[in-house]
């Protein structure tokens, strides 16, 4: 099992003990295993990669092989089945993020989402000065092999939440080392590289 990441540690701080948690795109189950050990949660994972599914099961995680772009989510689980539904670094790679948000908020009381910021100043500078699609430590892909199909900024996400009557309960904006600083706090959409959001229906 992979070591716990700084991002997963930040997420764990938002999880109440003894909660029921679903992790979408759970990989080998590292986050769920950490939450089981530190928060005594009951958890399920969903993962499309069969090898990662096997790893998660070997790590004692209840996991379902499924594609997040399918309708499986609302067919597998009843409304408000979970206290938290978590999705890390995947919002920008799914076909319809807006529909997936609706599904997550149907089966979960709160959802926790993390994603990279396409409005970070390094991205803007590369596009302006070089005239090419940006590549950074947070987003290290070429334009032709990137899994990111929806280029989203923090402002874009919050606008979508407002349109859908979704309340932002908590937000943490950090750099690629998952640390904050004064510049990020003052100008999060310009200076922040990664955001963690906890949201719920208003």
C-alpha atoms as a PDB file:
ATOM      1  CA  UNK A   1       0.000   0.000   0.000  1.00  0.00           C
ATOM      2  CA  UNK A   2       1.231   3.488  -0.835  1.00  0.00           C
ATOM      3  CA  UNK A   3       2.201   5.892   1.979  1.00  0.00           C
ATOM      4  CA  UNK A   4      -0.396   8.436   3.029  1.00  0.00           C
ATOM      5  CA  UNK A   5      -0.111  11.670   1.026  1.00  0.00           C
ATOM      6  CA  UNK A   6      -0.369  15.245   2.376  1.00  0.00           C
ATOM      7  CA  UNK A   7      -3.646  15.580   0.455  1.00  0.00           C
ATOM      8  CA  UNK A   8      -5.099  12.501   2.150  1.00  0.00           C
ATOM      9  CA  UNK A   9      -4.045  13.871   5.549  1.00  0.00           C
ATOM     10  CA  UNK A  10      -5.947  17.096   4.838  1.00  0.00           C
ATOM     11  CA  UNK A  11      -9.018  15.100   3.812  1.00  0.00           C
ATOM     12  CA  UNK A  12      -8.824  12.952   6.934  1.00  0.00           C
ATOM     13  CA  UNK A  13      -9.056  16.089   9.084  1.00  0.00           C
ATOM     14  CA  UNK A  14     -12.533  16.711   7.628  1.00  0.00           C
ATOM     15  CA  UNK A  15     -13.904  13.229   8.385  1.00  0.00           C
ATOM     16  CA  UNK A  16     -15.848  12.644  11.600  1.00  0.00           C
ATOM     17  CA  UNK A  17     -15.121   9.387  13.465  1.00  0.00           C
ATOM     18  CA  UNK A  18     -17.380   6.390  12.816  1.00  0.00           C
ATOM     19  CA  UNK A  19     -18.638   7.832   9.529  1.00  0.00           C
ATOM     20  CA  UNK A  20     -19.794   5.881   6.469  1.00  0.00           C
ATOM     21  CA  UNK A  21     -17.507   6.819   3.530  1.00  0.00           C
ATOM     22  CA  UNK A  22     -17.403   6.120  -0.221  1.00  0.00           C
ATOM     23  CA  UNK A  23     -14.158   6.832  -2.091  1.00  0.00           C
ATOM     24  CA  UNK A  24     -14.568   7.224  -5.869  1.00  0.00           C
ATOM     25  CA  UNK A  25     -11.455   6.252  -7.794  1.00  0.00           C
ATOM     26  CA  UNK A  26     -10.046   4.721  -4.624  1.00  0.00           C
ATOM     27  CA  UNK A  27      -6.935   3.177  -6.206  1.00  0.00           C
ATOM     28  CA  UNK A  28      -5.402   0.594  -3.891  1.00  0.00           C
ATOM     29  CA  UNK A  29      -7.518   1.790  -0.958  1.00  0.00           C
ATOM     30  CA  UNK A  30      -4.793   3.804   0.779  1.00  0.00           C
ATOM     31  CA  UNK A  31      -7.120   6.631   1.856  1.00  0.00           C
ATOM     32  CA  UNK A  32      -9.902   4.329   3.053  1.00  0.00           C
ATOM     33  CA  UNK A  33      -7.426   2.196   4.970  1.00  0.00           C
ATOM     34  CA  UNK A  34      -6.020   5.316   6.644  1.00  0.00           C
ATOM     35  CA  UNK A  35      -9.534   6.489   7.565  1.00  0.00           C
ATOM     36  CA  UNK A  36     -10.376   3.058   8.977  1.00  0.00           C
ATOM     37  CA  UNK A  37      -7.296   3.194  11.192  1.00  0.00           C
ATOM     38  CA  UNK A  38      -7.555   6.835  12.292  1.00  0.00           C
ATOM     39  CA  UNK A  39     -11.306   7.598  12.153  1.00  0.00           C
ATOM     40  CA  UNK A  40     -12.894   4.140  12.570  1.00  0.00           C
ATOM     41  CA  UNK A  41     -14.940   4.662   9.419  1.00  0.00           C
ATOM     42  CA  UNK A  42     -16.935   2.084   7.484  1.00  0.00           C
ATOM     43  CA  UNK A  43     -15.991   2.432   3.852  1.00  0.00           C
ATOM     44  CA  UNK A  44     -16.442   1.344   0.267  1.00  0.00           C
ATOM     45  CA  UNK A  45     -14.371   2.158  -2.778  1.00  0.00           C
ATOM     46  CA  UNK A  46     -15.104   2.358  -6.496  1.00  0.00           C
ATOM     47  CA  UNK A  47     -12.258   1.895  -8.979  1.00  0.00           C
ATOM     48  CA  UNK A  48     -12.124   1.163 -12.716  1.00  0.00           C
ATOM     49  CA  UNK A  49      -8.610  -0.365 -12.804  1.00  0.00           C
ATOM     50  CA  UNK A  50      -8.863  -4.135 -12.157  1.00  0.00           C
ATOM     51  CA  UNK A  51      -5.305  -4.374 -10.797  1.00  0.00           C
ATOM     52  CA  UNK A  52      -5.956  -1.584  -8.297  1.00  0.00           C
ATOM     53  CA  UNK A  53      -9.214  -3.310  -7.360  1.00  0.00           C
ATOM     54  CA  UNK A  54      -7.269  -6.446  -6.502  1.00  0.00           C
ATOM     55  CA  UNK A  55      -4.772  -4.428  -4.457  1.00  0.00           C
ATOM     56  CA  UNK A  56      -7.598  -2.709  -2.578  1.00  0.00           C
ATOM     57  CA  UNK A  57      -9.270  -6.033  -1.777  1.00  0.00           C
ATOM     58  CA  UNK A  58      -5.947  -7.464  -0.585  1.00  0.00           C
ATOM     59  CA  UNK A  59      -5.703  -4.414   1.673  1.00  0.00           C
ATOM     60  CA  UNK A  60      -9.076  -5.265   3.208  1.00  0.00           C
ATOM     61  CA  UNK A  61     -11.149  -2.656   1.356  1.00  0.00           C
ATOM     62  CA  UNK A  62     -14.665  -3.327   0.053  1.00  0.00           C
ATOM     63  CA  UNK A  63     -14.361  -2.198  -3.566  1.00  0.00           C
ATOM     64  CA  UNK A  64     -16.605  -2.199  -6.641  1.00  0.00           C
ATOM     65  CA  UNK A  65     -15.146  -2.100 -10.149  1.00  0.00           C
ATOM     66  CA  UNK A  66     -16.955   0.689 -11.950  1.00  0.00           C
ATOM     67  CA  UNK A  67     -16.519   3.594 -14.343  1.00  0.00           C
ATOM     68  CA  UNK A  68     -17.350   6.979 -12.791  1.00  0.00           C
ATOM     69  CA  UNK A  69     -18.806   8.090 -16.134  1.00  0.00           C
ATOM     70  CA  UNK A  70     -21.504   5.434 -15.904  1.00  0.00           C
ATOM     71  CA  UNK A  71     -24.806   5.626 -14.002  1.00  0.00           C
ATOM     72  CA  UNK A  72     -23.620   2.927 -11.584  1.00  0.00           C
ATOM     73  CA  UNK A  73     -23.267   5.270  -8.632  1.00  0.00           C
ATOM     74  CA  UNK A  74     -26.962   5.969  -8.121  1.00  0.00           C
ATOM     75  CA  UNK A  75     -27.913   2.383  -8.996  1.00  0.00           C
ATOM     76  CA  UNK A  76     -25.621   0.766  -6.432  1.00  0.00           C
ATOM     77  CA  UNK A  77     -26.521   2.964  -3.457  1.00  0.00           C
ATOM     78  CA  UNK A  78     -29.641   4.465  -1.899  1.00  0.00           C
ATOM     79  CA  UNK A  79     -29.982   8.228  -1.312  1.00  0.00           C
ATOM     80  CA  UNK A  80     -27.868   9.477   1.609  1.00  0.00           C
ATOM     81  CA  UNK A  81     -26.207   6.083   2.052  1.00  0.00           C
ATOM     82  CA  UNK A  82     -22.956   7.805   3.051  1.00  0.00           C
ATOM     83  CA  UNK A  83     -21.888  10.591   5.366  1.00  0.00           C
ATOM     84  CA  UNK A  84     -19.108  11.468   2.911  1.00  0.00           C
ATOM     85  CA  UNK A  85     -18.418  10.737  -0.744  1.00  0.00           C
ATOM     86  CA  UNK A  86     -14.811  11.513  -1.681  1.00  0.00           C
ATOM     87  CA  UNK A  87     -13.252  12.029  -5.111  1.00  0.00           C
ATOM     88  CA  UNK A  88      -9.611  13.112  -5.388  1.00  0.00           C
ATOM     89  CA  UNK A  89      -8.000  14.540  -8.531  1.00  0.00           C
ATOM     90  CA  UNK A  90     -10.677  13.177 -10.858  1.00  0.00           C
ATOM     91  CA  UNK A  91     -13.287  15.920 -11.363  1.00  0.00           C
ATOM     92  CA  UNK A  92     -11.456  17.190 -14.452  1.00  0.00           C
ATOM     93  CA  UNK A  93     -11.166  13.753 -16.093  1.00  0.00           C
ATOM     94  CA  UNK A  94     -14.820  12.644 -16.024  1.00  0.00           C
ATOM     95  CA  UNK A  95     -17.143  13.231 -18.973  1.00  0.00           C
ATOM     96  CA  UNK A  96     -19.845  15.217 -17.117  1.00  0.00           C
ATOM     97  CA  UNK A  97     -18.607  16.638 -13.805  1.00  0.00           C
ATOM     98  CA  UNK A  98     -21.903  18.437 -13.239  1.00  0.00           C
ATOM     99  CA  UNK A  99     -23.942  15.221 -13.445  1.00  0.00           C
ATOM    100  CA  UNK A 100     -21.468  13.318 -11.290  1.00  0.00           C
ATOM    101  CA  UNK A 101     -21.737  16.033  -8.634  1.00  0.00           C
ATOM    102  CA  UNK A 102     -25.518  15.539  -8.596  1.00  0.00           C
ATOM    103  CA  UNK A 103     -25.088  11.782  -8.186  1.00  0.00           C
ATOM    104  CA  UNK A 104     -22.539  12.204  -5.402  1.00  0.00           C
ATOM    105  CA  UNK A 105     -24.839  14.580  -3.542  1.00  0.00           C
ATOM    106  CA  UNK A 106     -27.731  12.148  -3.952  1.00  0.00           C
ATOM    107  CA  UNK A 107     -25.975   9.279  -2.190  1.00  0.00           C
ATOM    108  CA  UNK A 108     -23.802  11.345   0.168  1.00  0.00           C
ATOM    109  CA  UNK A 109     -24.701  13.940   2.807  1.00  0.00           C
ATOM    110  CA  UNK A 110     -21.432  15.773   2.121  1.00  0.00           C
ATOM    111  CA  UNK A 111     -18.864  15.375  -0.626  1.00  0.00           C
ATOM    112  CA  UNK A 112     -15.153  16.098  -0.595  1.00  0.00           C
ATOM    113  CA  UNK A 113     -13.486  16.886  -3.925  1.00  0.00           C
ATOM    114  CA  UNK A 114      -9.919  17.830  -4.824  1.00  0.00           C
ATOM    115  CA  UNK A 115      -8.735  19.064  -8.210  1.00  0.00           C
ATOM    116  CA  UNK A 116      -5.961  21.141  -9.825  1.00  0.00           C
ATOM    117  CA  UNK A 117      -6.400  24.794 -10.745  1.00  0.00           C
ATOM    118  CA  UNK A 118      -6.065  25.617 -14.428  1.00  0.00           C
ATOM    119  CA  UNK A 119      -5.964  29.350 -13.593  1.00  0.00           C
ATOM    120  CA  UNK A 120      -2.720  29.181 -11.593  1.00  0.00           C
ATOM    121  CA  UNK A 121      -0.299  31.925 -12.605  1.00  0.00           C
ATOM    122  CA  UNK A 122       2.238  29.462 -14.049  1.00  0.00           C
ATOM    123  CA  UNK A 123      -0.433  28.096 -16.383  1.00  0.00           C
ATOM    124  CA  UNK A 124      -1.445  31.597 -17.466  1.00  0.00           C
ATOM    125  CA  UNK A 125       2.173  32.652 -18.000  1.00  0.00           C
ATOM    126  CA  UNK A 126       3.068  29.643 -20.138  1.00  0.00           C
ATOM    127  CA  UNK A 127       0.046  30.161 -22.367  1.00  0.00           C
ATOM    128  CA  UNK A 128       0.671  33.907 -22.650  1.00  0.00           C
ATOM    129  CA  UNK A 129       4.438  33.853 -23.148  1.00  0.00           C
ATOM    130  CA  UNK A 130       4.999  30.560 -24.963  1.00  0.00           C
ATOM    131  CA  UNK A 131       1.690  30.251 -26.791  1.00  0.00           C
ATOM    132  CA  UNK A 132       1.478  26.553 -25.928  1.00  0.00           C
ATOM    133  CA  UNK A 133      -0.675  24.476 -23.615  1.00  0.00           C
ATOM    134  CA  UNK A 134       0.893  24.652 -20.135  1.00  0.00           C
ATOM    135  CA  UNK A 135       2.723  21.853 -18.342  1.00  0.00           C
ATOM    136  CA  UNK A 136       3.477  22.101 -14.614  1.00  0.00           C
ATOM    137  CA  UNK A 137       4.409  19.820 -11.713  1.00  0.00           C
ATOM    138  CA  UNK A 138       0.717  19.626 -10.818  1.00  0.00           C
ATOM    139  CA  UNK A 139      -0.362  19.031 -14.442  1.00  0.00           C
ATOM    140  CA  UNK A 140       2.598  17.350 -16.160  1.00  0.00           C
ATOM    141  CA  UNK A 141       0.847  16.159 -19.332  1.00  0.00           C
ATOM    142  CA  UNK A 142       1.227  17.082 -22.982  1.00  0.00           C
ATOM    143  CA  UNK A 143      -1.880  18.407 -24.715  1.00  0.00           C
ATOM    144  CA  UNK A 144      -2.211  15.157 -26.703  1.00  0.00           C
ATOM    145  CA  UNK A 145      -1.955  12.645 -23.833  1.00  0.00           C
ATOM    146  CA  UNK A 146      -3.620  14.455 -20.957  1.00  0.00           C
ATOM    147  CA  UNK A 147      -6.502  12.699 -19.163  1.00  0.00           C
ATOM    148  CA  UNK A 148      -7.925  16.122 -18.285  1.00  0.00           C
ATOM    149  CA  UNK A 149     -10.907  16.857 -20.496  1.00  0.00           C
ATOM    150  CA  UNK A 150     -12.546  19.686 -18.511  1.00  0.00           C
ATOM    151  CA  UNK A 151     -10.179  22.534 -17.694  1.00  0.00           C
ATOM    152  CA  UNK A 152     -11.584  23.921 -14.463  1.00  0.00           C
ATOM    153  CA  UNK A 153     -10.599  26.773 -12.142  1.00  0.00           C
ATOM    154  CA  UNK A 154     -11.614  27.313  -8.550  1.00  0.00           C
ATOM    155  CA  UNK A 155     -13.907  30.138  -9.664  1.00  0.00           C
ATOM    156  CA  UNK A 156     -15.523  27.860 -12.256  1.00  0.00           C
ATOM    157  CA  UNK A 157     -16.225  25.216  -9.628  1.00  0.00           C
ATOM    158  CA  UNK A 158     -17.732  27.703  -7.191  1.00  0.00           C
ATOM    159  CA  UNK A 159     -19.908  29.159  -9.963  1.00  0.00           C
ATOM    160  CA  UNK A 160     -21.190  25.632 -10.689  1.00  0.00           C
ATOM    161  CA  UNK A 161     -21.935  25.112  -6.999  1.00  0.00           C
ATOM    162  CA  UNK A 162     -23.929  28.345  -6.954  1.00  0.00           C
ATOM    163  CA  UNK A 163     -25.904  27.303 -10.042  1.00  0.00           C
ATOM    164  CA  UNK A 164     -26.719  23.946  -8.467  1.00  0.00           C
ATOM    165  CA  UNK A 165     -27.623  25.344  -5.035  1.00  0.00           C
ATOM    166  CA  UNK A 166     -24.623  23.640  -3.459  1.00  0.00           C
ATOM    167  CA  UNK A 167     -23.087  25.087  -0.297  1.00  0.00           C
ATOM    168  CA  UNK A 168     -19.305  25.204   0.136  1.00  0.00           C
ATOM    169  CA  UNK A 169     -18.849  24.048   3.743  1.00  0.00           C
ATOM    170  CA  UNK A 170     -15.039  24.211   3.738  1.00  0.00           C
ATOM    171  CA  UNK A 171     -12.250  24.995   1.285  1.00  0.00           C
ATOM    172  CA  UNK A 172      -8.495  24.580   1.487  1.00  0.00           C
ATOM    173  CA  UNK A 173      -6.273  25.951  -1.281  1.00  0.00           C
ATOM    174  CA  UNK A 174      -2.624  24.876  -1.393  1.00  0.00           C
ATOM    175  CA  UNK A 175       0.463  24.678  -3.596  1.00  0.00           C
ATOM    176  CA  UNK A 176       1.788  21.455  -5.128  1.00  0.00           C
ATOM    177  CA  UNK A 177       3.401  20.548  -1.772  1.00  0.00           C
ATOM    178  CA  UNK A 178      -0.055  20.936  -0.177  1.00  0.00           C
ATOM    179  CA  UNK A 179       1.019  23.975   1.830  1.00  0.00           C
ATOM    180  CA  UNK A 180      -0.647  27.369   2.069  1.00  0.00           C
ATOM    181  CA  UNK A 181       0.889  30.847   2.234  1.00  0.00           C
ATOM    182  CA  UNK A 182      -0.195  34.491   2.308  1.00  0.00           C
ATOM    183  CA  UNK A 183      -0.345  34.825  -1.488  1.00  0.00           C
ATOM    184  CA  UNK A 184      -2.606  31.793  -1.795  1.00  0.00           C
ATOM    185  CA  UNK A 185      -4.896  33.054   0.957  1.00  0.00           C
ATOM    186  CA  UNK A 186      -5.177  36.503  -0.653  1.00  0.00           C
ATOM    187  CA  UNK A 187      -5.496  35.346  -4.298  1.00  0.00           C
ATOM    188  CA  UNK A 188      -6.449  31.664  -4.283  1.00  0.00           C
ATOM    189  CA  UNK A 189      -7.542  31.420  -7.944  1.00  0.00           C
ATOM    190  CA  UNK A 190      -4.290  33.007  -9.147  1.00  0.00           C
ATOM    191  CA  UNK A 191      -1.784  31.527  -6.691  1.00  0.00           C
ATOM    192  CA  UNK A 192      -3.321  28.204  -5.629  1.00  0.00           C
ATOM    193  CA  UNK A 193      -2.459  24.986  -7.455  1.00  0.00           C
ATOM    194  CA  UNK A 194      -4.768  22.465  -5.776  1.00  0.00           C
ATOM    195  CA  UNK A 195      -8.073  22.925  -3.934  1.00  0.00           C
ATOM    196  CA  UNK A 196      -9.939  20.691  -1.512  1.00  0.00           C
ATOM    197  CA  UNK A 197     -13.664  21.382  -1.183  1.00  0.00           C
ATOM    198  CA  UNK A 198     -16.239  20.000   1.216  1.00  0.00           C
ATOM    199  CA  UNK A 199     -19.749  20.727  -0.093  1.00  0.00           C
ATOM    200  CA  UNK A 200     -23.388  19.820   0.577  1.00  0.00           C
ATOM    201  CA  UNK A 201     -26.876  20.721  -0.621  1.00  0.00           C
ATOM    202  CA  UNK A 202     -28.131  24.060   0.680  1.00  0.00           C
END
